[in-house]
PDB file of N, CA and C in Angstrom:
ATOM      1  N   MET A   1     115.200  68.584 -97.609  1.00  0.00           N
ATOM      2  CA  MET A   1     115.143  70.018 -97.749  1.00  0.00           C
ATOM      3  C   MET A   1     113.691  70.417 -98.027  1.00  0.00           C
ATOM      4  N   SER A   2     113.253  71.521 -97.434  1.00  0.00           N
ATOM      5  CA  SER A   2     111.874  71.992 -97.599  1.00  0.00           C
ATOM      6  C   SER A   2     111.839  73.213 -98.515  1.00  0.00           C
ATOM      7  N   ARG A   3     110.831  73.279 -99.400  1.00  0.00           N
ATOM      8  CA  ARG A   3     110.766  74.335-100.414  1.00  0.00           C
ATOM      9  C   ARG A   3     109.593  75.276-100.184  1.00  0.00           C
ATOM     10  N   VAL A   4     109.751  76.509-100.668  1.00  0.00           N
ATOM     11  CA  VAL A   4     108.655  77.468-100.665  1.00  0.00           C
ATOM     12  C   VAL A   4     107.620  76.999-101.688  1.00  0.00           C
ATOM     13  N   VAL A   5     106.343  76.933-101.267  1.00  0.00           N
ATOM     14  CA  VAL A   5     105.290  76.437-102.146  1.00  0.00           C
ATOM     15  C   VAL A   5     104.131  77.423-102.308  1.00  0.00           C
ATOM     16  N   HIS A   6     104.159  78.547-101.578  1.00  0.00           N
ATOM     17  CA  HIS A   6     103.032  79.478-101.581  1.00  0.00           C
ATOM     18  C   HIS A   6     103.521  80.817-101.054  1.00  0.00           C
ATOM     19  N   PHE A   7     102.929  81.899-101.513  1.00  0.00           N
ATOM     20  CA  PHE A   7     103.226  83.217-100.959  1.00  0.00           C
ATOM     21  C   PHE A   7     101.924  83.915-100.605  1.00  0.00           C
ATOM     22  N   GLU A   8     101.998  84.858 -99.664  1.00  0.00           N
ATOM     23  CA  GLU A   8     100.860  85.695 -99.323  1.00  0.00           C
ATOM     24  C   GLU A   8     101.309  87.145 -99.341  1.00  0.00           C
ATOM     25  N   ILE A   9     100.470  87.996 -99.905  1.00  0.00           N
ATOM     26  CA  ILE A   9     100.735  89.423 -99.952  1.00  0.00           C
ATOM     27  C   ILE A   9      99.702  90.109 -99.071  1.00  0.00           C
ATOM     28  N   GLU A  10     100.172  90.880 -98.087  1.00  0.00           N
ATOM     29  CA  GLU A  10      99.259  91.677 -97.279  1.00  0.00           C
ATOM     30  C   GLU A  10      99.043  93.011 -97.979  1.00  0.00           C
ATOM     31  N   ALA A  11      97.834  93.542 -97.885  1.00  0.00           N
ATOM     32  CA  ALA A  11      97.497  94.770 -98.600  1.00  0.00           C
ATOM     33  C   ALA A  11      96.652  95.693 -97.736  1.00  0.00           C
ATOM     34  N   LYS A  12      96.940  96.983 -97.790  1.00  0.00           N
ATOM     35  CA  LYS A  12      96.088  97.970 -97.124  1.00  0.00           C
ATOM     36  C   LYS A  12      94.717  97.994 -97.790  1.00  0.00           C
ATOM     37  N   ASP A  13      94.701  97.891 -99.117  1.00  0.00           N
ATOM     38  CA  ASP A  13      93.469  97.869 -99.907  1.00  0.00           C
ATOM     39  C   ASP A  13      93.580  96.703-100.897  1.00  0.00           C
ATOM     40  N   PRO A  14      93.070  95.521-100.517  1.00  0.00           N
ATOM     41  CA  PRO A  14      93.229  94.346-101.374  1.00  0.00           C
ATOM     42  C   PRO A  14      92.697  94.536-102.798  1.00  0.00           C
ATOM     43  N   GLU A  15      91.585  95.228-102.964  1.00  0.00           N
ATOM     44  CA  GLU A  15      91.023  95.426-104.306  1.00  0.00           C
ATOM     45  C   GLU A  15      91.997  96.196-105.195  1.00  0.00           C
ATOM     46  N   LYS A  16      92.586  97.262-104.673  1.00  0.00           N
ATOM     47  CA  LYS A  16      93.569  98.037-105.446  1.00  0.00           C
ATOM     48  C   LYS A  16      94.818  97.211-105.725  1.00  0.00           C
ATOM     49  N   LYS A  17      95.260  96.445-104.728  1.00  0.00           N
ATOM     50  CA  LYS A  17      96.454  95.617-104.894  1.00  0.00           C
ATOM     51  C   LYS A  17      96.221  94.560-105.972  1.00  0.00           C
ATOM     52  N   MET A  18      95.029  93.932-105.958  1.00  0.00           N
ATOM     53  CA  MET A  18      94.731  92.930-106.979  1.00  0.00           C
ATOM     54  C   MET A  18      94.698  93.561-108.369  1.00  0.00           C
ATOM     55  N   ALA A  19      94.115  94.749-108.487  1.00  0.00           N
ATOM     56  CA  ALA A  19      94.077  95.438-109.780  1.00  0.00           C
ATOM     57  C   ALA A  19      95.494  95.716-110.279  1.00  0.00           C
ATOM     58  N   PHE A  20      96.384  96.118-109.372  1.00  0.00           N
ATOM     59  CA  PHE A  20      97.778  96.379-109.741  1.00  0.00           C
ATOM     60  C   PHE A  20      98.424  95.131-110.331  1.00  0.00           C
ATOM     61  N   TYR A  21      98.362  93.990-109.613  1.00  0.00           N
ATOM     62  CA  TYR A  21      99.017  92.770-110.076  1.00  0.00           C
ATOM     63  C   TYR A  21      98.352  92.194-111.328  1.00  0.00           C
ATOM     64  N   LYS A  22      97.041  92.391-111.472  1.00  0.00           N
ATOM     65  CA  LYS A  22      96.359  91.962-112.701  1.00  0.00           C
ATOM     66  C   LYS A  22      96.841  92.796-113.881  1.00  0.00           C
ATOM     67  N   ASP A  23      96.907  94.123-113.689  1.00  0.00           N
ATOM     68  CA  ASP A  23      97.344  95.011-114.771  1.00  0.00           C
ATOM     69  C   ASP A  23      98.796  94.765-115.174  1.00  0.00           C
ATOM     70  N   VAL A  24      99.666  94.545-114.195  1.00  0.00           N
ATOM     71  CA  VAL A  24     101.095  94.392-114.477  1.00  0.00           C
ATOM     72  C   VAL A  24     101.431  92.989-114.977  1.00  0.00           C
ATOM     73  N   PHE A  25     100.949  91.951-114.281  1.00  0.00           N
ATOM     74  CA  PHE A  25     101.369  90.576-114.573  1.00  0.00           C
ATOM     75  C   PHE A  25     100.270  89.678-115.143  1.00  0.00           C
ATOM     76  N   GLY A  26      99.021  90.151-115.164  1.00  0.00           N
ATOM     77  CA  GLY A  26      97.924  89.330-115.659  1.00  0.00           C
ATOM     78  C   GLY A  26      97.440  88.286-114.670  1.00  0.00           C
ATOM     79  N   TRP A  27      97.810  88.430-113.391  1.00  0.00           N
ATOM     80  CA  TRP A  27      97.393  87.458-112.382  1.00  0.00           C
ATOM     81  C   TRP A  27      95.881  87.461-112.235  1.00  0.00           C
ATOM     82  N   GLU A  28      95.337  86.303-111.820  1.00  0.00           N
ATOM     83  CA  GLU A  28      93.906  86.146-111.573  1.00  0.00           C
ATOM     84  C   GLU A  28      93.686  85.891-110.091  1.00  0.00           C
ATOM     85  N   PHE A  29      92.475  86.229-109.614  1.00  0.00           N
ATOM     86  CA  PHE A  29      92.171  86.137-108.189  1.00  0.00           C
ATOM     87  C   PHE A  29      90.820  85.467-107.996  1.00  0.00           C
ATOM     88  N   GLN A  30      90.724  84.633-106.953  1.00  0.00           N
ATOM     89  CA  GLN A  30      89.470  83.988-106.584  1.00  0.00           C
ATOM     90  C   GLN A  30      89.282  84.159-105.090  1.00  0.00           C
ATOM     91  N   GLU A  31      88.126  84.698-104.688  1.00  0.00           N
ATOM     92  CA  GLU A  31      87.867  84.842-103.256  1.00  0.00           C
ATOM     93  C   GLU A  31      87.652  83.462-102.650  1.00  0.00           C
ATOM     94  N   MET A  32      88.416  83.151-101.607  1.00  0.00           N
ATOM     95  CA  MET A  32      88.310  81.858-100.929  1.00  0.00           C
ATOM     96  C   MET A  32      87.430  81.962 -99.693  1.00  0.00           C
ATOM     97  N   MET A  33      87.573  83.079 -98.985  1.00  0.00           N
ATOM     98  CA  MET A  33      86.784  83.358 -97.792  1.00  0.00           C
ATOM     99  C   MET A  33      86.805  84.869 -97.612  1.00  0.00           C
ATOM    100  N   GLU A  34      86.011  85.369 -96.710  1.00  0.00           N
ATOM    101  CA  GLU A  34      85.967  86.816 -96.515  1.00  0.00           C
ATOM    102  C   GLU A  34      87.359  87.355 -96.184  1.00  0.00           C
ATOM    103  N   GLY A  35      87.824  88.300 -96.990  1.00  0.00           N
ATOM    104  CA  GLY A  35      89.109  88.944 -96.739  1.00  0.00           C
ATOM    105  C   GLY A  35      90.329  88.195 -97.234  1.00  0.00           C
ATOM    106  N   TYR A  36      90.127  87.092 -97.985  1.00  0.00           N
ATOM    107  CA  TYR A  36      91.270  86.315 -98.480  1.00  0.00           C
ATOM    108  C   TYR A  36      90.970  85.820 -99.892  1.00  0.00           C
ATOM    109  N   TRP A  37      91.904  86.063-100.807  1.00  0.00           N
ATOM    110  CA  TRP A  37      91.774  85.651-102.199  1.00  0.00           C
ATOM    111  C   TRP A  37      92.964  84.795-102.599  1.00  0.00           C
ATOM    112  N   SER A  38      92.712  83.741-103.377  1.00  0.00           N
ATOM    113  CA  SER A  38      93.833  82.993-103.944  1.00  0.00           C
ATOM    114  C   SER A  38      94.355  83.770-105.145  1.00  0.00           C
ATOM    115  N   VAL A  39      95.661  83.666-105.382  1.00  0.00           N
ATOM    116  CA  VAL A  39      96.324  84.337-106.496  1.00  0.00           C
ATOM    117  C   VAL A  39      96.804  83.260-107.461  1.00  0.00           C
ATOM    118  N   ILE A  40      96.329  83.327-108.702  1.00  0.00           N
ATOM    119  CA  ILE A  40      96.764  82.391-109.732  1.00  0.00           C
ATOM    120  C   ILE A  40      97.739  83.144-110.633  1.00  0.00           C
ATOM    121  N   THR A  41      99.000  82.729-110.594  1.00  0.00           N
ATOM    122  CA  THR A  41     100.046  83.455-111.326  1.00  0.00           C
ATOM    123  C   THR A  41     100.294  82.900-112.725  1.00  0.00           C
ATOM    124  N   GLY A  42      99.675  81.767-113.039  1.00  0.00           N
ATOM    125  CA  GLY A  42      99.846  81.170-114.358  1.00  0.00           C
ATOM    126  C   GLY A  42      99.284  79.767-114.381  1.00  0.00           C
ATOM    127  N   PRO A  43      99.338  79.102-115.530  1.00  0.00           N
ATOM    128  CA  PRO A  43      98.841  77.733-115.644  1.00  0.00           C
ATOM    129  C   PRO A  43      99.590  76.784-114.695  1.00  0.00           C
ATOM    130  N   ALA A  44      98.868  75.801-114.175  1.00  0.00           N
ATOM    131  CA  ALA A  44      99.445  74.853-113.219  1.00  0.00           C
ATOM    132  C   ALA A  44     100.662  74.131-113.780  1.00  0.00           C
ATOM    133  N   GLU A  45     100.684  73.910-115.094  1.00  0.00           N
ATOM    134  CA  GLU A  45     101.808  73.170-115.678  1.00  0.00           C
ATOM    135  C   GLU A  45     103.054  74.035-115.868  1.00  0.00           C
ATOM    136  N   ASP A  46     102.930  75.350-115.727  1.00  0.00           N
ATOM    137  CA  ASP A  46     104.093  76.238-115.858  1.00  0.00           C
ATOM    138  C   ASP A  46     104.894  76.293-114.557  1.00  0.00           C
ATOM    139  N   GLU A  47     106.171  76.612-114.668  1.00  0.00           N
ATOM    140  CA  GLU A  47     107.037  76.766-113.505  1.00  0.00           C
ATOM    141  C   GLU A  47     106.567  77.950-112.662  1.00  0.00           C
ATOM    142  N   GLY A  48     106.662  77.828-111.351  1.00  0.00           N
ATOM    143  CA  GLY A  48     106.296  78.920-110.454  1.00  0.00           C
ATOM    144  C   GLY A  48     105.302  78.471-109.403  1.00  0.00           C
ATOM    145  N   ILE A  49     104.928  79.398-108.534  1.00  0.00           N
ATOM    146  CA  ILE A  49     103.985  79.092-107.464  1.00  0.00           C
ATOM    147  C   ILE A  49     102.853  80.108-107.472  1.00  0.00           C
ATOM    148  N   ASP A  50     101.734  79.714-106.885  1.00  0.00           N
ATOM    149  CA  ASP A  50     100.598  80.601-106.695  1.00  0.00           C
ATOM    150  C   ASP A  50     100.605  81.085-105.252  1.00  0.00           C
ATOM    151  N   GLY A  51      99.660  81.938-104.928  1.00  0.00           N
ATOM    152  CA  GLY A  51      99.665  82.494-103.587  1.00  0.00           C
ATOM    153  C   GLY A  51      98.311  82.972-103.138  1.00  0.00           C
ATOM    154  N   GLY A  52      98.343  83.965-102.246  1.00  0.00           N
ATOM    155  CA  GLY A  52      97.135  84.549-101.697  1.00  0.00           C
ATOM    156  C   GLY A  52      97.347  86.027-101.431  1.00  0.00           C
ATOM    157  N   ILE A  53      96.247  86.748-101.296  1.00  0.00           N
ATOM    158  CA  ILE A  53      96.307  88.156-100.922  1.00  0.00           C
ATOM    159  C   ILE A  53      95.266  88.382 -99.839  1.00  0.00           C
ATOM    160  N   MET A  54      95.622  89.197 -98.847  1.00  0.00           N
ATOM    161  CA  MET A  54      94.716  89.427 -97.726  1.00  0.00           C
ATOM    162  C   MET A  54      94.877  90.843 -97.205  1.00  0.00           C
ATOM    163  N   LYS A  55      93.876  91.292 -96.481  1.00  0.00           N
ATOM    164  CA  LYS A  55      93.919  92.606 -95.845  1.00  0.00           C
ATOM    165  C   LYS A  55      94.996  92.585 -94.778  1.00  0.00           C
ATOM    166  N   ALA A  56      95.839  93.617 -94.771  1.00  0.00           N
ATOM    167  CA  ALA A  56      96.898  93.727 -93.763  1.00  0.00           C
ATOM    168  C   ALA A  56      96.280  93.897 -92.381  1.00  0.00           C
ATOM    169  N   ALA A  57      96.901  93.277 -91.386  1.00  0.00           N
ATOM    170  CA  ALA A  57      96.409  93.358 -90.014  1.00  0.00           C
ATOM    171  C   ALA A  57      96.502  94.775 -89.459  1.00  0.00           C
ATOM    172  N   SER A  58      97.462  95.546 -89.946  1.00  0.00           N
ATOM    173  CA  SER A  58      97.614  96.937 -89.520  1.00  0.00           C
ATOM    174  C   SER A  58      98.261  97.720 -90.651  1.00  0.00           C
ATOM    175  N   GLU A  59      98.249  99.034 -90.549  1.00  0.00           N
ATOM    176  CA  GLU A  59      98.808  99.895 -91.593  1.00  0.00           C
ATOM    177  C   GLU A  59     100.295  99.652 -91.839  1.00  0.00           C
ATOM    178  N   ASP A  60     101.033  99.240 -90.808  1.00  0.00           N
ATOM    179  CA  ASP A  60     102.478  99.046 -90.966  1.00  0.00           C
ATOM    180  C   ASP A  60     102.862  97.588 -91.179  1.00  0.00           C
ATOM    181  N   ALA A  61     101.880  96.718 -91.394  1.00  0.00           N
ATOM    182  CA  ALA A  61     102.157  95.283 -91.537  1.00  0.00           C
ATOM    183  C   ALA A  61     102.101  94.821 -92.988  1.00  0.00           C
ATOM    184  N   VAL A  62     102.296  95.726 -93.932  1.00  0.00           N
ATOM    185  CA  VAL A  62     102.257  95.334 -95.340  1.00  0.00           C
ATOM    186  C   VAL A  62     103.545  94.588 -95.675  1.00  0.00           C
ATOM    187  N   ARG A  63     103.414  93.323 -96.072  1.00  0.00           N
ATOM    188  CA  ARG A  63     104.593  92.481 -96.314  1.00  0.00           C
ATOM    189  C   ARG A  63     104.188  91.285 -97.163  1.00  0.00           C
ATOM    190  N   THR A  64     105.166  90.510 -97.543  1.00  0.00           N
ATOM    191  CA  THR A  64     104.944  89.246 -98.233  1.00  0.00           C
ATOM    192  C   THR A  64     105.361  88.125 -97.297  1.00  0.00           C
ATOM    193  N   ILE A  65     104.568  87.074 -97.246  1.00  0.00           N
ATOM    194  CA  ILE A  65     104.849  85.921 -96.393  1.00  0.00           C
ATOM    195  C   ILE A  65     105.013  84.699 -97.292  1.00  0.00           C
ATOM    196  N   ASN A  66     106.137  84.014 -97.177  1.00  0.00           N
ATOM    197  CA  ASN A  66     106.366  82.776 -97.925  1.00  0.00           C
ATOM    198  C   ASN A  66     105.980  81.585 -97.064  1.00  0.00           C
ATOM    199  N   THR A  67     105.395  80.570 -97.686  1.00  0.00           N
ATOM    200  CA  THR A  67     104.999  79.353 -96.981  1.00  0.00           C
ATOM    201  C   THR A  67     105.864  78.195 -97.459  1.00  0.00           C
ATOM    202  N   ILE A  68     106.358  77.433 -96.496  1.00  0.00           N
ATOM    203  CA  ILE A  68     107.294  76.341 -96.753  1.00  0.00           C
ATOM    204  C   ILE A  68     106.605  75.006 -96.483  1.00  0.00           C
ATOM    205  N   LYS A  69     106.706  74.088 -97.428  1.00  0.00           N
ATOM    206  CA  LYS A  69     106.111  72.755 -97.304  1.00  0.00           C
ATOM    207  C   LYS A  69     107.004  71.872 -96.443  1.00  0.00           C
ATOM    208  N   VAL A  70     106.375  71.156 -95.489  1.00  0.00           N
ATOM    209  CA  VAL A  70     107.095  70.201 -94.643  1.00  0.00           C
ATOM    210  C   VAL A  70     106.310  68.893 -94.609  1.00  0.00           C
ATOM    211  N   GLU A  71     106.974  67.832 -94.211  1.00  0.00           N
ATOM    212  CA  GLU A  71     106.322  66.525 -94.137  1.00  0.00           C
ATOM    213  C   GLU A  71     105.540  66.336 -92.842  1.00  0.00           C
ATOM    214  N   ASN A  72     105.996  66.975 -91.743  1.00  0.00           N
ATOM    215  CA  ASN A  72     105.352  66.817 -90.440  1.00  0.00           C
ATOM    216  C   ASN A  72     105.323  68.174 -89.750  1.00  0.00           C
ATOM    217  N   LEU A  73     104.156  68.808 -89.711  1.00  0.00           N
ATOM    218  CA  LEU A  73     104.046  70.168 -89.180  1.00  0.00           C
ATOM    219  C   LEU A  73     104.514  70.256 -87.737  1.00  0.00           C
ATOM    220  N   ASP A  74     104.060  69.351 -86.889  1.00  0.00           N
ATOM    221  CA  ASP A  74     104.444  69.406 -85.472  1.00  0.00           C
ATOM    222  C   ASP A  74     105.958  69.338 -85.295  1.00  0.00           C
ATOM    223  N   GLU A  75     106.604  68.467 -86.040  1.00  0.00           N
ATOM    224  CA  GLU A  75     108.063  68.341 -85.958  1.00  0.00           C
ATOM    225  C   GLU A  75     108.741  69.670 -86.305  1.00  0.00           C
ATOM    226  N   TYR A  76     108.284  70.304 -87.382  1.00  0.00           N
ATOM    227  CA  TYR A  76     108.926  71.543 -87.821  1.00  0.00           C
ATOM    228  C   TYR A  76     108.591  72.725 -86.924  1.00  0.00           C
ATOM    229  N   LEU A  77     107.415  72.748 -86.319  1.00  0.00           N
ATOM    230  CA  LEU A  77     107.118  73.811 -85.358  1.00  0.00           C
ATOM    231  C   LEU A  77     108.061  73.695 -84.165  1.00  0.00           C
ATOM    232  N   GLY A  78     108.368  72.468 -83.765  1.00  0.00           N
ATOM    233  CA  GLY A  78     109.358  72.257 -82.712  1.00  0.00           C
ATOM    234  C   GLY A  78     110.736  72.728 -83.133  1.00  0.00           C
ATOM    235  N   LYS A  79     111.121  72.446 -84.369  1.00  0.00           N
ATOM    236  CA  LYS A  79     112.425  72.887 -84.878  1.00  0.00           C
ATOM    237  C   LYS A  79     112.520  74.409 -84.905  1.00  0.00           C
ATOM    238  N   VAL A  80     111.430  75.083 -85.292  1.00  0.00           N
ATOM    239  CA  VAL A  80     111.417  76.554 -85.311  1.00  0.00           C
ATOM    240  C   VAL A  80     111.746  77.083 -83.919  1.00  0.00           C
ATOM    241  N   GLU A  81     111.068  76.563 -82.909  1.00  0.00           N
ATOM    242  CA  GLU A  81     111.288  77.038 -81.539  1.00  0.00           C
ATOM    243  C   GLU A  81     112.674  76.667 -81.032  1.00  0.00           C
ATOM    244  N   GLN A  82     113.147  75.464 -81.334  1.00  0.00           N
ATOM    245  CA  GLN A  82     114.483  75.046 -80.897  1.00  0.00           C
ATOM    246  C   GLN A  82     115.575  75.916 -81.495  1.00  0.00           C
ATOM    247  N   ALA A  83     115.341  76.438 -82.692  1.00  0.00           N
ATOM    248  CA  ALA A  83     116.347  77.265 -83.366  1.00  0.00           C
ATOM    249  C   ALA A  83     116.234  78.746 -82.996  1.00  0.00           C
ATOM    250  N   GLY A  84     115.309  79.082 -82.089  1.00  0.00           N
ATOM    251  CA  GLY A  84     115.189  80.462 -81.632  1.00  0.00           C
ATOM    252  C   GLY A  84     114.077  81.260 -82.274  1.00  0.00           C
ATOM    253  N   GLY A  85     113.278  80.622 -83.141  1.00  0.00           N
ATOM    254  CA  GLY A  85     112.138  81.301 -83.753  1.00  0.00           C
ATOM    255  C   GLY A  85     110.903  81.168 -82.879  1.00  0.00           C
ATOM    256  N   LYS A  86     109.774  81.644 -83.399  1.00  0.00           N
ATOM    257  CA  LYS A  86     108.513  81.599 -82.655  1.00  0.00           C
ATOM    258  C   LYS A  86     107.405  81.062 -83.548  1.00  0.00           C
ATOM    259  N   VAL A  87     106.522  80.285 -82.949  1.00  0.00           N
ATOM    260  CA  VAL A  87     105.277  79.900 -83.601  1.00  0.00           C
ATOM    261  C   VAL A  87     104.270  80.969 -83.190  1.00  0.00           C
ATOM    262  N   THR A  88     103.696  81.683 -84.158  1.00  0.00           N
ATOM    263  CA  THR A  88     102.877  82.857 -83.836  1.00  0.00           C
ATOM    264  C   THR A  88     101.385  82.657 -84.058  1.00  0.00           C
ATOM    265  N   SER A  89     100.971  81.442 -84.416  1.00  0.00           N
ATOM    266  CA  SER A  89      99.542  81.169 -84.574  1.00  0.00           C
ATOM    267  C   SER A  89      99.251  79.754 -84.113  1.00  0.00           C
ATOM    268  N   GLU A  90      97.983  79.503 -83.905  1.00  0.00           N
ATOM    269  CA  GLU A  90      97.534  78.131 -83.682  1.00  0.00           C
ATOM    270  C   GLU A  90      97.643  77.384 -85.013  1.00  0.00           C
ATOM    271  N   LYS A  91      97.710  76.070 -84.953  1.00  0.00           N
ATOM    272  CA  LYS A  91      97.645  75.286 -86.186  1.00  0.00           C
ATOM    273  C   LYS A  91      96.250  75.466 -86.781  1.00  0.00           C
ATOM    274  N   MET A  92      96.199  75.632 -88.103  1.00  0.00           N
ATOM    275  CA  MET A  92      94.926  75.840 -88.786  1.00  0.00           C
ATOM    276  C   MET A  92      94.709  74.736 -89.805  1.00  0.00           C
ATOM    277  N   ASP A  93      93.536  74.145 -89.778  1.00  0.00           N
ATOM    278  CA  ASP A  93      93.173  73.153 -90.783  1.00  0.00           C
ATOM    279  C   ASP A  93      92.608  73.888 -91.991  1.00  0.00           C
ATOM    280  N   ILE A  94      93.191  73.662 -93.147  1.00  0.00           N
ATOM    281  CA  ILE A  94      92.694  74.242 -94.393  1.00  0.00           C
ATOM    282  C   ILE A  94      92.024  73.101 -95.150  1.00  0.00           C
ATOM    283  N   PRO A  95      90.686  73.105 -95.220  1.00  0.00           N
ATOM    284  CA  PRO A  95      89.973  71.987 -95.840  1.00  0.00           C
ATOM    285  C   PRO A  95      90.487  71.667 -97.243  1.00  0.00           C
ATOM    286  N   GLU A  96      90.662  70.390 -97.487  1.00  0.00           N
ATOM    287  CA  GLU A  96      91.111  69.847 -98.774  1.00  0.00           C
ATOM    288  C   GLU A  96      92.524  70.279 -99.157  1.00  0.00           C
ATOM    289  N   VAL A  97      93.289  70.808 -98.191  1.00  0.00           N
ATOM    290  CA  VAL A  97      94.671  71.224 -98.459  1.00  0.00           C
ATOM    291  C   VAL A  97      95.619  70.618 -97.443  1.00  0.00           C
ATOM    292  N   GLY A  98      95.502  71.033 -96.167  1.00  0.00           N
ATOM    293  CA  GLY A  98      96.429  70.550 -95.160  1.00  0.00           C
ATOM    294  C   GLY A  98      96.322  71.314 -93.859  1.00  0.00           C
ATOM    295  N   VAL A  99      97.409  71.268 -93.088  1.00  0.00           N
ATOM    296  CA  VAL A  99      97.482  71.931 -91.786  1.00  0.00           C
ATOM    297  C   VAL A  99      98.587  72.969 -91.859  1.00  0.00           C
ATOM    298  N   PHE A 100      98.329  74.156 -91.309  1.00  0.00           N
ATOM    299  CA  PHE A 100      99.175  75.323 -91.524  1.00  0.00           C
ATOM    300  C   PHE A 100      99.389  76.080 -90.221  1.00  0.00           C
ATOM    301  N   ALA A 101     100.542  76.759 -90.097  1.00  0.00           N
ATOM    302  CA  ALA A 101     100.788  77.675 -88.976  1.00  0.00           C
ATOM    303  C   ALA A 101     101.721  78.789 -89.430  1.00  0.00           C
ATOM    304  N   TYR A 102     101.568  79.959 -88.792  1.00  0.00           N
ATOM    305  CA  TYR A 102     102.486  81.074 -89.016  1.00  0.00           C
ATOM    306  C   TYR A 102     103.586  81.019 -87.972  1.00  0.00           C
ATOM    307  N   CYS A 103     104.798  81.435 -88.380  1.00  0.00           N
ATOM    308  CA  CYS A 103     105.960  81.480 -87.495  1.00  0.00           C
ATOM    309  C   CYS A 103     106.735  82.761 -87.754  1.00  0.00           C
ATOM    310  N   GLU A 104     107.738  83.019 -86.911  1.00  0.00           N
ATOM    311  CA  GLU A 104     108.702  84.093 -87.139  1.00  0.00           C
ATOM    312  C   GLU A 104     110.095  83.524 -86.976  1.00  0.00           C
ATOM    313  N   ASP A 105     111.029  84.020 -87.801  1.00  0.00           N
ATOM    314  CA  ASP A 105     112.419  83.605 -87.654  1.00  0.00           C
ATOM    315  C   ASP A 105     113.085  84.417 -86.546  1.00  0.00           C
ATOM    316  N   ILE A 106     114.382  84.291 -86.399  1.00  0.00           N
ATOM    317  CA  ILE A 106     115.095  84.943 -85.293  1.00  0.00           C
ATOM    318  C   ILE A 106     115.118  86.460 -85.405  1.00  0.00           C
ATOM    319  N   ASP A 107     114.802  87.004 -86.595  1.00  0.00           N
ATOM    320  CA  ASP A 107     114.741  88.456 -86.782  1.00  0.00           C
ATOM    321  C   ASP A 107     113.313  88.980 -86.795  1.00  0.00           C
ATOM    322  N   GLY A 108     112.341  88.111 -86.553  1.00  0.00           N
ATOM    323  CA  GLY A 108     110.945  88.524 -86.546  1.00  0.00           C
ATOM    324  C   GLY A 108     110.265  88.485 -87.903  1.00  0.00           C
ATOM    325  N   LEU A 109     110.925  87.915 -88.914  1.00  0.00           N
ATOM    326  CA  LEU A 109     110.331  87.800 -90.246  1.00  0.00           C
ATOM    327  C   LEU A 109     109.293  86.675 -90.246  1.00  0.00           C
ATOM    328  N   SER A 110     108.082  86.993 -90.662  1.00  0.00           N
ATOM    329  CA  SER A 110     107.005  86.001 -90.682  1.00  0.00           C
ATOM    330  C   SER A 110     107.138  85.056 -91.866  1.00  0.00           C
ATOM    331  N   PHE A 111     106.770  83.792 -91.636  1.00  0.00           N
ATOM    332  CA  PHE A 111     106.681  82.800 -92.703  1.00  0.00           C
ATOM    333  C   PHE A 111     105.650  81.766 -92.297  1.00  0.00           C
ATOM    334  N   GLY A 112     105.154  81.028 -93.273  1.00  0.00           N
ATOM    335  CA  GLY A 112     104.203  79.972 -93.002  1.00  0.00           C
ATOM    336  C   GLY A 112     104.843  78.611 -93.176  1.00  0.00           C
ATOM    337  N   VAL A 113     104.251  77.618 -92.505  1.00  0.00           N
ATOM    338  CA  VAL A 113     104.690  76.230 -92.640  1.00  0.00           C
ATOM    339  C   VAL A 113     103.427  75.404 -92.883  1.00  0.00           C
ATOM    340  N   ILE A 114     103.468  74.543 -93.902  1.00  0.00           N
ATOM    341  CA  ILE A 114     102.285  73.742 -94.226  1.00  0.00           C
ATOM    342  C   ILE A 114     102.651  72.276 -94.425  1.00  0.00           C
ATOM    343  N   GLU A 115     101.786  71.421 -93.908  1.00  0.00           N
ATOM    344  CA  GLU A 115     101.849  69.979 -94.170  1.00  0.00           C
ATOM    345  C   GLU A 115     100.625  69.658 -95.023  1.00  0.00           C
ATOM    346  N   PHE A 116     100.846  69.283 -96.265  1.00  0.00           N
ATOM    347  CA  PHE A 116      99.726  68.926 -97.129  1.00  0.00           C
ATOM    348  C   PHE A 116      99.168  67.585 -96.684  1.00  0.00           C
ATOM    349  N   THR A 117      97.850  67.519 -96.518  1.00  0.00           N
ATOM    350  CA  THR A 117      97.214  66.276 -96.097  1.00  0.00           C
ATOM    351  C   THR A 117      96.241  65.754 -97.141  1.00  0.00           C
ATOM    352  N   ALA A 118      95.820  66.616 -98.062  1.00  0.00           N
ATOM    353  CA  ALA A 118      94.890  66.192 -99.109  1.00  0.00           C
ATOM    354  C   ALA A 118      95.648  65.407-100.170  1.00  0.00           C
ATOM    355  N   ILE A 119      94.990  64.439-100.731  1.00  0.00           N
ATOM    356  CA  ILE A 119      95.591  63.655-101.807  1.00  0.00           C
ATOM    357  C   ILE A 119      95.333  64.387-103.110  1.00  0.00           C
ATOM    358  N   ALA A 120      96.402  64.657-103.836  1.00  0.00           N
ATOM    359  CA  ALA A 120      96.270  65.418-105.097  1.00  0.00           C
ATOM    360  C   ALA A 120      95.696  64.563-106.193  1.00  0.00           C
TER     361      ALA A 120
END
């Protein structure tokens, strides 16, 4: 069974969105690259997951994307397509983390799939 290990929040105005989540939940943010920030929701030893926040691709694309950990990315991208979903991005290498791709389920809901390749 594969579990959700990361979330991404799209934002019309990432700075305002980060201020909101910091004020409400005390979350912390670190810029990873232009237009993308990691979200730290609590200490690593506490239960829960961390995520990311990014500028929305369009005004109507504000959503949350969950990322699911898999053992073999290529195998699961094939399973997505066989089950009627779509792979919507090229595979992306995330340095010191793993290999990642965006997909859509049968209703068009976006999600990510990641194979961790870095040794923790």
